[in-house]
Each structure stands twice: as structure tokens, then as C-alpha cells.
PDB file of N, CA and C in Angstrom:
ATOM      1  N   UNK A   1      -1.577  17.324  -8.060  1.00  0.00           N
ATOM      2  CA  UNK A   1      -1.753  16.394  -6.921  1.00  0.00           C
ATOM      3  C   UNK A   1      -0.241  15.495  -7.009  1.00  0.00           C
ATOM      4  N   UNK A   2      -0.120  14.521  -5.967  1.00  0.00           N
ATOM      5  CA  UNK A   2       1.105  13.598  -5.814  1.00  0.00           C
ATOM      6  C   UNK A   2       0.355  12.449  -5.227  1.00  0.00           C
ATOM      7  N   UNK A   3       0.301  11.141  -5.942  1.00  0.00           N
ATOM      8  CA  UNK A   3       0.618  10.201  -5.096  1.00  0.00           C
ATOM      9  C   UNK A   3       1.450   9.270  -5.039  1.00  0.00           C
ATOM     10  N   UNK A   4       1.395   8.641  -3.671  1.00  0.00           N
ATOM     11  CA  UNK A   4       2.722   7.718  -3.727  1.00  0.00           C
ATOM     12  C   UNK A   4       1.992   6.463  -3.207  1.00  0.00           C
ATOM     13  N   UNK A   5       2.067   5.417  -3.519  1.00  0.00           N
ATOM     14  CA  UNK A   5       1.514   3.950  -2.648  1.00  0.00           C
ATOM     15  C   UNK A   5       3.172   3.076  -2.877  1.00  0.00           C
ATOM     16  N   UNK A   6       3.458   2.738  -1.496  1.00  0.00           N
ATOM     17  CA  UNK A   6       4.530   1.860  -1.555  1.00  0.00           C
ATOM     18  C   UNK A   6       4.558   0.983  -0.429  1.00  0.00           C
ATOM     19  N   UNK A   7       4.739  -0.651  -0.685  1.00  0.00           N
ATOM     20  CA  UNK A   7       4.912  -1.679   0.133  1.00  0.00           C
ATOM     21  C   UNK A   7       6.133  -1.810   0.754  1.00  0.00           C
ATOM     22  N   UNK A   8       6.072  -2.093   2.025  1.00  0.00           N
ATOM     23  CA  UNK A   8       6.969  -2.436   3.038  1.00  0.00           C
ATOM     24  C   UNK A   8       6.504  -3.768   3.665  1.00  0.00           C
ATOM     25  N   UNK A   9       6.948  -4.515   3.633  1.00  0.00           N
ATOM     26  CA  UNK A   9       7.199  -5.857   4.444  1.00  0.00           C
ATOM     27  C   UNK A   9       5.361  -5.913   4.728  1.00  0.00           C
ATOM     28  N   UNK A  10       4.997  -5.832   5.520  1.00  0.00           N
ATOM     29  CA  UNK A  10       3.619  -6.494   5.691  1.00  0.00           C
ATOM     30  C   UNK A  10       2.216  -5.359   5.927  1.00  0.00           C
ATOM     31  N   UNK A  11       3.234  -3.925   5.008  1.00  0.00           N
ATOM     32  CA  UNK A  11       2.350  -2.875   4.884  1.00  0.00           C
ATOM     33  C   UNK A  11       2.012  -1.965   3.552  1.00  0.00           C
ATOM     34  N   UNK A  12       1.192  -1.468   3.769  1.00  0.00           N
ATOM     35  CA  UNK A  12       0.916  -0.622   2.376  1.00  0.00           C
ATOM     36  C   UNK A  12       1.006   0.965   2.790  1.00  0.00           C
ATOM     37  N   UNK A  13       1.437   1.347   2.232  1.00  0.00           N
ATOM     38  CA  UNK A  13       1.668   3.223   2.546  1.00  0.00           C
ATOM     39  C   UNK A  13       0.956   3.783   1.452  1.00  0.00           C
ATOM     40  N   UNK A  14      -0.125   4.739   1.814  1.00  0.00           N
ATOM     41  CA  UNK A  14      -0.455   6.042   0.440  1.00  0.00           C
ATOM     42  C   UNK A  14      -0.868   7.384   1.239  1.00  0.00           C
ATOM     43  N   UNK A  15       0.144   7.706   0.162  1.00  0.00           N
ATOM     44  CA  UNK A  15       0.253   9.198   0.629  1.00  0.00           C
ATOM     45  C   UNK A  15       0.005  10.238  -0.293  1.00  0.00           C
ATOM     46  N   UNK A  16      -1.495  11.071  -0.308  1.00  0.00           N
ATOM     47  CA  UNK A  16      -1.943  11.419  -1.539  1.00  0.00           C
ATOM     48  C   UNK A  16      -2.028  13.356  -0.678  1.00  0.00           C
ATOM     49  N   UNK A  17      -1.173  13.470  -1.564  1.00  0.00           N
ATOM     50  CA  UNK A  17      -1.084  15.536  -1.596  1.00  0.00           C
ATOM     51  C   UNK A  17      -1.535  16.255  -2.913  1.00  0.00           C
ATOM     52  N   UNK A  18      -2.070  17.359  -2.219  1.00  0.00           N
ATOM     53  CA  UNK A  18      -2.844  18.293  -3.040  1.00  0.00           C
ATOM     54  C   UNK A  18      -2.809  19.711  -2.436  1.00  0.00           C
ATOM     55  N   UNK A  19      -2.295  20.848  -3.538  1.00  0.00           N
ATOM     56  CA  UNK A  19      -2.083  22.098  -2.761  1.00  0.00           C
ATOM     57  C   UNK A  19      -3.800  22.380  -2.093  1.00  0.00           C
ATOM     58  N   UNK A  20      -3.309  23.389  -1.498  1.00  0.00           N
ATOM     59  CA  UNK A  20      -4.675  23.874  -0.599  1.00  0.00           C
ATOM     60  C   UNK A  20      -4.706  24.580  -0.044  1.00  0.00           C
ATOM     61  N   UNK A  21      -5.462  25.606  -0.280  1.00  0.00           N
ATOM     62  CA  UNK A  21      -5.447  27.064   1.150  1.00  0.00           C
ATOM     63  C   UNK A  21      -5.611  26.253   2.327  1.00  0.00           C
ATOM     64  N   UNK A  22      -5.127  27.355   3.536  1.00  0.00           N
ATOM     65  CA  UNK A  22      -4.791  26.616   4.819  1.00  0.00           C
ATOM     66  C   UNK A  22      -6.013  25.715   5.474  1.00  0.00           C
ATOM     67  N   UNK A  23      -5.545  24.785   5.949  1.00  0.00           N
ATOM     68  CA  UNK A  23      -6.625  23.893   6.400  1.00  0.00           C
ATOM     69  C   UNK A  23      -6.669  23.756   8.388  1.00  0.00           C
ATOM     70  N   UNK A  24      -7.535  23.455   8.724  1.00  0.00           N
ATOM     71  CA  UNK A  24      -7.475  23.597   9.922  1.00  0.00           C
ATOM     72  C   UNK A  24      -8.484  22.444  10.412  1.00  0.00           C
ATOM     73  N   UNK A  25      -7.734  21.762  11.506  1.00  0.00           N
ATOM     74  CA  UNK A  25      -7.675  20.595  11.749  1.00  0.00           C
ATOM     75  C   UNK A  25      -8.846  20.438  13.720  1.00  0.00           C
ATOM     76  N   UNK A  26      -9.899  19.534  13.542  1.00  0.00           N
ATOM     77  CA  UNK A  26     -10.395  18.939  14.775  1.00  0.00           C
ATOM     78  C   UNK A  26      -9.392  18.689  15.826  1.00  0.00           C
ATOM     79  N   UNK A  27      -9.799  18.779  16.755  1.00  0.00           N
ATOM     80  CA  UNK A  27      -9.255  18.031  18.269  1.00  0.00           C
ATOM     81  C   UNK A  27      -8.708  16.043  17.635  1.00  0.00           C
ATOM     82  N   UNK A  28      -9.572  15.801  16.878  1.00  0.00           N
ATOM     83  CA  UNK A  28      -9.277  14.371  16.630  1.00  0.00           C
ATOM     84  C   UNK A  28      -8.187  13.957  15.458  1.00  0.00           C
ATOM     85  N   UNK A  29      -8.172  15.440  14.674  1.00  0.00           N
ATOM     86  CA  UNK A  29      -7.168  14.982  13.993  1.00  0.00           C
ATOM     87  C   UNK A  29      -7.720  15.051  12.549  1.00  0.00           C
ATOM     88  N   UNK A  30      -8.950  15.160  12.177  1.00  0.00           N
ATOM     89  CA  UNK A  30      -9.504  15.022  10.677  1.00  0.00           C
ATOM     90  C   UNK A  30      -9.596  16.725  10.571  1.00  0.00           C
ATOM     91  N   UNK A  31      -9.588  17.013   8.990  1.00  0.00           N
ATOM     92  CA  UNK A  31      -9.811  18.355   8.897  1.00  0.00           C
ATOM     93  C   UNK A  31     -11.289  18.656   9.284  1.00  0.00           C
ATOM     94  N   UNK A  32     -11.258  20.435   9.224  1.00  0.00           N
ATOM     95  CA  UNK A  32     -12.516  20.767  10.044  1.00  0.00           C
ATOM     96  C   UNK A  32     -13.543  21.291   8.587  1.00  0.00           C
ATOM     97  N   UNK A  33     -14.419  20.857   8.859  1.00  0.00           N
ATOM     98  CA  UNK A  33     -15.354  21.132   7.916  1.00  0.00           C
ATOM     99  C   UNK A  33     -15.139  22.344   7.524  1.00  0.00           C
ATOM    100  N   UNK A  34     -16.084  22.811   6.199  1.00  0.00           N
ATOM    101  CA  UNK A  34     -15.966  24.142   6.106  1.00  0.00           C
ATOM    102  C   UNK A  34     -17.115  24.591   6.055  1.00  0.00           C
ATOM    103  N   UNK A  35     -16.977  25.932   6.303  1.00  0.00           N
ATOM    104  CA  UNK A  35     -19.403  26.773   6.322  1.00  0.00           C
ATOM    105  C   UNK A  35     -19.920  26.651   4.546  1.00  0.00           C
ATOM    106  N   UNK A  36     -18.566  26.735   4.062  1.00  0.00           N
ATOM    107  CA  UNK A  36     -19.366  26.954   2.692  1.00  0.00           C
ATOM    108  C   UNK A  36     -20.156  25.900   1.865  1.00  0.00           C
ATOM    109  N   UNK A  37     -19.901  24.499   2.194  1.00  0.00           N
ATOM    110  CA  UNK A  37     -20.668  23.506   1.876  1.00  0.00           C
ATOM    111  C   UNK A  37     -20.781  22.510   3.028  1.00  0.00           C
ATOM    112  N   UNK A  38     -21.738  21.999   3.199  1.00  0.00           N
ATOM    113  CA  UNK A  38     -22.556  21.424   4.245  1.00  0.00           C
ATOM    114  C   UNK A  38     -21.639  19.826   3.987  1.00  0.00           C
ATOM    115  N   UNK A  39     -21.527  19.472   2.773  1.00  0.00           N
ATOM    116  CA  UNK A  39     -21.149  17.973   2.059  1.00  0.00           C
ATOM    117  C   UNK A  39     -19.295  17.817   2.278  1.00  0.00           C
ATOM    118  N   UNK A  40     -18.717  19.313   2.196  1.00  0.00           N
ATOM    119  CA  UNK A  40     -17.180  18.982   1.850  1.00  0.00           C
ATOM    120  C   UNK A  40     -16.373  18.516   3.513  1.00  0.00           C
ATOM    121  N   UNK A  41     -15.507  17.519   3.181  1.00  0.00           N
ATOM    122  CA  UNK A  41     -15.161  17.081   4.066  1.00  0.00           C
ATOM    123  C   UNK A  41     -15.962  15.708   4.483  1.00  0.00           C
ATOM    124  N   UNK A  42     -16.875  15.077   4.022  1.00  0.00           N
ATOM    125  CA  UNK A  42     -17.209  13.907   4.325  1.00  0.00           C
ATOM    126  C   UNK A  42     -16.617  12.939   3.742  1.00  0.00           C
ATOM    127  N   UNK A  43     -15.554  12.881   2.747  1.00  0.00           N
ATOM    128  CA  UNK A  43     -15.033  12.066   2.096  1.00  0.00           C
ATOM    129  C   UNK A  43     -14.008  11.584   2.486  1.00  0.00           C
ATOM    130  N   UNK A  44     -13.040  12.042   3.061  1.00  0.00           N
ATOM    131  CA  UNK A  44     -12.233  11.758   4.395  1.00  0.00           C
ATOM    132  C   UNK A  44     -12.885  11.413   5.942  1.00  0.00           C
ATOM    133  N   UNK A  45     -14.034  11.689   6.205  1.00  0.00           N
ATOM    134  CA  UNK A  45     -14.725  10.606   7.043  1.00  0.00           C
ATOM    135  C   UNK A  45     -14.531   9.189   6.768  1.00  0.00           C
ATOM    136  N   UNK A  46     -15.736   9.160   5.287  1.00  0.00           N
ATOM    137  CA  UNK A  46     -15.502   8.043   5.464  1.00  0.00           C
ATOM    138  C   UNK A  46     -13.840   7.098   5.057  1.00  0.00           C
ATOM    139  N   UNK A  47     -13.098   7.755   4.189  1.00  0.00           N
ATOM    140  CA  UNK A  47     -11.960   7.103   4.114  1.00  0.00           C
ATOM    141  C   UNK A  47     -11.309   6.590   5.722  1.00  0.00           C
ATOM    142  N   UNK A  48     -11.495   7.542   6.545  1.00  0.00           N
ATOM    143  CA  UNK A  48     -10.561   7.238   7.959  1.00  0.00           C
ATOM    144  C   UNK A  48     -11.743   5.940   8.253  1.00  0.00           C
ATOM    145  N   UNK A  49     -12.777   5.858   8.438  1.00  0.00           N
ATOM    146  CA  UNK A  49     -13.799   4.985   8.749  1.00  0.00           C
ATOM    147  C   UNK A  49     -13.375   3.278   7.909  1.00  0.00           C
ATOM    148  N   UNK A  50     -13.448   3.667   6.596  1.00  0.00           N
ATOM    149  CA  UNK A  50     -12.828   2.452   5.800  1.00  0.00           C
ATOM    150  C   UNK A  50     -11.288   1.462   6.546  1.00  0.00           C
ATOM    151  N   UNK A  51     -10.507   2.797   6.281  1.00  0.00           N
ATOM    152  CA  UNK A  51      -9.121   2.407   6.765  1.00  0.00           C
ATOM    153  C   UNK A  51      -8.731   1.832   8.557  1.00  0.00           C
ATOM    154  N   UNK A  52      -9.487   2.260   9.388  1.00  0.00           N
ATOM    155  CA  UNK A  52      -9.496   1.879  10.920  1.00  0.00           C
ATOM    156  C   UNK A  52     -10.383   0.240  10.846  1.00  0.00           C
ATOM    157  N   UNK A  53     -11.763  -0.041   9.601  1.00  0.00           N
ATOM    158  CA  UNK A  53     -11.976  -0.712   9.618  1.00  0.00           C
ATOM    159  C   UNK A  53     -11.136  -2.163   9.766  1.00  0.00           C
ATOM    160  N   UNK A  54      -9.962  -1.796   8.752  1.00  0.00           N
ATOM    161  CA  UNK A  54      -9.024  -2.747   8.156  1.00  0.00           C
ATOM    162  C   UNK A  54      -8.198  -2.428   9.378  1.00  0.00           C
ATOM    163  N   UNK A  55      -7.903  -2.155  10.670  1.00  0.00           N
ATOM    164  CA  UNK A  55      -6.955  -2.043  11.374  1.00  0.00           C
ATOM    165  C   UNK A  55      -5.576  -1.343  10.533  1.00  0.00           C
ATOM    166  N   UNK A  56      -6.138  -0.282  10.222  1.00  0.00           N
ATOM    167  CA  UNK A  56      -4.913   0.915   9.463  1.00  0.00           C
ATOM    168  C   UNK A  56      -5.226   1.991  10.213  1.00  0.00           C
ATOM    169  N   UNK A  57      -3.848   2.900   9.814  1.00  0.00           N
ATOM    170  CA  UNK A  57      -3.781   4.153  10.151  1.00  0.00           C
ATOM    171  C   UNK A  57      -4.100   5.240   9.346  1.00  0.00           C
ATOM    172  N   UNK A  58      -4.270   6.537  10.008  1.00  0.00           N
ATOM    173  CA  UNK A  58      -4.369   7.459   8.890  1.00  0.00           C
ATOM    174  C   UNK A  58      -3.865   8.660   9.457  1.00  0.00           C
ATOM    175  N   UNK A  59      -3.273   9.820   8.501  1.00  0.00           N
ATOM    176  CA  UNK A  59      -3.322  11.018   9.180  1.00  0.00           C
ATOM    177  C   UNK A  59      -3.350  11.780   8.183  1.00  0.00           C
ATOM    178  N   UNK A  60      -3.557  13.292   8.752  1.00  0.00           N
ATOM    179  CA  UNK A  60      -3.683  14.526   7.414  1.00  0.00           C
ATOM    180  C   UNK A  60      -2.958  15.645   8.284  1.00  0.00           C
ATOM    181  N   UNK A  61      -2.221  16.271   7.155  1.00  0.00           N
ATOM    182  CA  UNK A  61      -1.420  17.214   7.646  1.00  0.00           C
ATOM    183  C   UNK A  61      -1.182  18.161   6.500  1.00  0.00           C
ATOM    184  N   UNK A  62      -1.149  19.467   7.111  1.00  0.00           N
ATOM    185  CA  UNK A  62      -0.928  20.747   6.264  1.00  0.00           C
ATOM    186  C   UNK A  62       0.498  21.681   6.515  1.00  0.00           C
ATOM    187  N   UNK A  63       1.148  21.551   5.609  1.00  0.00           N
ATOM    188  CA  UNK A  63       2.298  22.302   5.439  1.00  0.00           C
ATOM    189  C   UNK A  63       2.498  22.950   4.280  1.00  0.00           C
ATOM    190  N   UNK A  64       3.183  24.377   4.489  1.00  0.00           N
ATOM    191  CA  UNK A  64       3.418  24.920   2.959  1.00  0.00           C
ATOM    192  C   UNK A  64       2.438  24.716   2.159  1.00  0.00           C
ATOM    193  N   UNK A  65       1.194  25.101   1.996  1.00  0.00           N
ATOM    194  CA  UNK A  65       0.273  25.083   1.221  1.00  0.00           C
ATOM    195  C   UNK A  65      -0.105  23.871   0.545  1.00  0.00           C
ATOM    196  N   UNK A  66       0.394  22.599   1.222  1.00  0.00           N
ATOM    197  CA  UNK A  66       0.482  21.659   0.831  1.00  0.00           C
ATOM    198  C   UNK A  66      -0.774  20.266   1.856  1.00  0.00           C
ATOM    199  N   UNK A  67      -1.564  20.068   1.024  1.00  0.00           N
ATOM    200  CA  UNK A  67      -2.355  18.997   2.015  1.00  0.00           C
ATOM    201  C   UNK A  67      -2.004  17.936   1.882  1.00  0.00           C
ATOM    202  N   UNK A  68      -2.188  16.846   3.068  1.00  0.00           N
ATOM    203  CA  UNK A  68      -1.172  15.308   2.735  1.00  0.00           C
ATOM    204  C   UNK A  68      -2.287  14.028   3.675  1.00  0.00           C
ATOM    205  N   UNK A  69      -2.698  13.491   3.054  1.00  0.00           N
ATOM    206  CA  UNK A  69      -3.308  12.055   3.626  1.00  0.00           C
ATOM    207  C   UNK A  69      -2.146  10.982   3.568  1.00  0.00           C
ATOM    208  N   UNK A  70      -1.960  10.773   4.843  1.00  0.00           N
ATOM    209  CA  UNK A  70      -1.179   9.663   4.699  1.00  0.00           C
ATOM    210  C   UNK A  70      -1.746   8.296   5.360  1.00  0.00           C
ATOM    211  N   UNK A  71      -1.951   6.850   4.427  1.00  0.00           N
ATOM    212  CA  UNK A  71      -2.777   5.801   5.292  1.00  0.00           C
ATOM    213  C   UNK A  71      -1.934   4.536   5.608  1.00  0.00           C
ATOM    214  N   UNK A  72      -1.620   4.024   6.351  1.00  0.00           N
ATOM    215  CA  UNK A  72      -1.210   2.861   6.394  1.00  0.00           C
ATOM    216  C   UNK A  72      -1.917   1.730   7.050  1.00  0.00           C
ATOM    217  N   UNK A  73      -1.450   0.969   5.983  1.00  0.00           N
ATOM    218  CA  UNK A  73      -2.747  -0.573   5.977  1.00  0.00           C
ATOM    219  C   UNK A  73      -1.837  -1.809   6.314  1.00  0.00           C
ATOM    220  N   UNK A  74      -1.984  -2.221   7.323  1.00  0.00           N
ATOM    221  CA  UNK A  74      -1.557  -3.222   7.342  1.00  0.00           C
ATOM    222  C   UNK A  74      -2.271  -4.839   6.421  1.00  0.00           C
ATOM    223  N   UNK A  75      -1.204  -5.716   6.207  1.00  0.00           N
ATOM    224  CA  UNK A  75      -1.509  -6.978   5.369  1.00  0.00           C
ATOM    225  C   UNK A  75      -1.154  -8.135   5.684  1.00  0.00           C
ATOM    226  N   UNK A  76      -1.802  -9.137   6.681  1.00  0.00           N
ATOM    227  CA  UNK A  76      -0.754 -10.520   6.786  1.00  0.00           C
ATOM    228  C   UNK A  76      -0.419 -11.199   5.725  1.00  0.00           C
ATOM    229  N   UNK A  77       0.716 -11.529   5.770  1.00  0.00           N
ATOM    230  CA  UNK A  77       1.293 -12.325   5.159  1.00  0.00           C
ATOM    231  C   UNK A  77       0.160 -13.371   4.341  1.00  0.00           C
ATOM    232  N   UNK A  78       0.354 -13.886   3.044  1.00  0.00           N
ATOM    233  CA  UNK A  78      -0.397 -14.349   2.765  1.00  0.00           C
ATOM    234  C   UNK A  78      -0.586 -16.064   3.299  1.00  0.00           C
ATOM    235  N   UNK A  79      -1.809 -16.993   3.307  1.00  0.00           N
ATOM    236  CA  UNK A  79      -1.858 -17.648   3.914  1.00  0.00           C
ATOM    237  C   UNK A  79      -1.117 -19.396   3.212  1.00  0.00           C
ATOM    238  N   UNK A  80      -0.531 -19.952   3.091  1.00  0.00           N
ATOM    239  CA  UNK A  80       0.196 -21.081   2.730  1.00  0.00           C
ATOM    240  C   UNK A  80      -0.518 -21.920   2.156  1.00  0.00           C
ATOM    241  N   UNK A  81      -0.332 -22.560   1.129  1.00  0.00           N
ATOM    242  CA  UNK A  81      -1.256 -23.503   0.297  1.00  0.00           C
ATOM    243  C   UNK A  81      -0.885 -24.772   0.674  1.00  0.00           C
ATOM    244  N   UNK A  82      -1.977 -25.546   0.443  1.00  0.00           N
ATOM    245  CA  UNK A  82      -1.445 -27.141   0.703  1.00  0.00           C
ATOM    246  C   UNK A  82      -0.656 -27.857  -0.067  1.00  0.00           C
ATOM    247  N   UNK A  83      -0.291 -27.190  -1.367  1.00  0.00           N
ATOM    248  CA  UNK A  83       0.505 -27.719  -2.181  1.00  0.00           C
ATOM    249  C   UNK A  83       2.360 -26.923  -2.029  1.00  0.00           C
ATOM    250  N   UNK A  84       2.033 -26.142  -1.296  1.00  0.00           N
ATOM    251  CA  UNK A  84       3.377 -25.069  -0.706  1.00  0.00           C
ATOM    252  C   UNK A  84       3.982 -25.794   0.422  1.00  0.00           C
ATOM    253  N   UNK A  85       2.836 -26.417   1.166  1.00  0.00           N
ATOM    254  CA  UNK A  85       3.409 -26.834   2.322  1.00  0.00           C
ATOM    255  C   UNK A  85       3.835 -28.500   2.629  1.00  0.00           C
ATOM    256  N   UNK A  86       3.490 -29.208   1.296  1.00  0.00           N
ATOM    257  CA  UNK A  86       3.215 -30.428   0.895  1.00  0.00           C
ATOM    258  C   UNK A  86       4.818 -30.890   0.310  1.00  0.00           C
ATOM    259  N   UNK A  87       5.007 -29.667  -0.352  1.00  0.00           N
ATOM    260  CA  UNK A  87       6.806 -29.609  -0.691  1.00  0.00           C
ATOM    261  C   UNK A  87       8.073 -29.838   0.009  1.00  0.00           C
ATOM    262  N   UNK A  88       7.333 -28.791   1.418  1.00  0.00           N
ATOM    263  CA  UNK A  88       8.695 -29.209   2.826  1.00  0.00           C
ATOM    264  C   UNK A  88       8.928 -30.136   2.815  1.00  0.00           C
TER     265      UNK A  88
END
């Protein structure tokens, strides 16, 4: 497993990669649930909902035996404090 978290200006990018057997995707880009387990894949659905709730985006990819989930979250600049404003 490989995890990368990167902050770029107002964004946080989180990439998680894991070795995997081939994964098929649904039309909306989510990994297809397997027949073996009725619960397999539900976690990614919940992660997608949480990312979208906070105006982020998430993509899933399978390439060369690796499954990768990449999320980008937007964080607005911190509100300026009264103290910082008074100093100007």
C-alpha cells in the first residue's frame, strides 16, 4: 500500500494505491461491487459521499495491477483574526 498526502495552495490531495486484481468500474466511475461479498465496495461509496459533501472530487483508477483512489479537497484560506487585521 502507498499513501501520499500533498497540500497545494488551497487544496489537499490524497492518493492511496494498493495492489489489486483487475477492477471493473460502473458508468459513474465507482468500482463495481463484487458478487463474493454484499458489503465489498460500500466503503468507497461512503468515502465518495464524504468527499463530495465538502466540495471535493475523487477518482478511481486501475492500472498495471494497482488500484488507486485520488481525492482532492478544497480548503478555503483561514479567516483573518481581529488581531491580524488590527496590526495592518
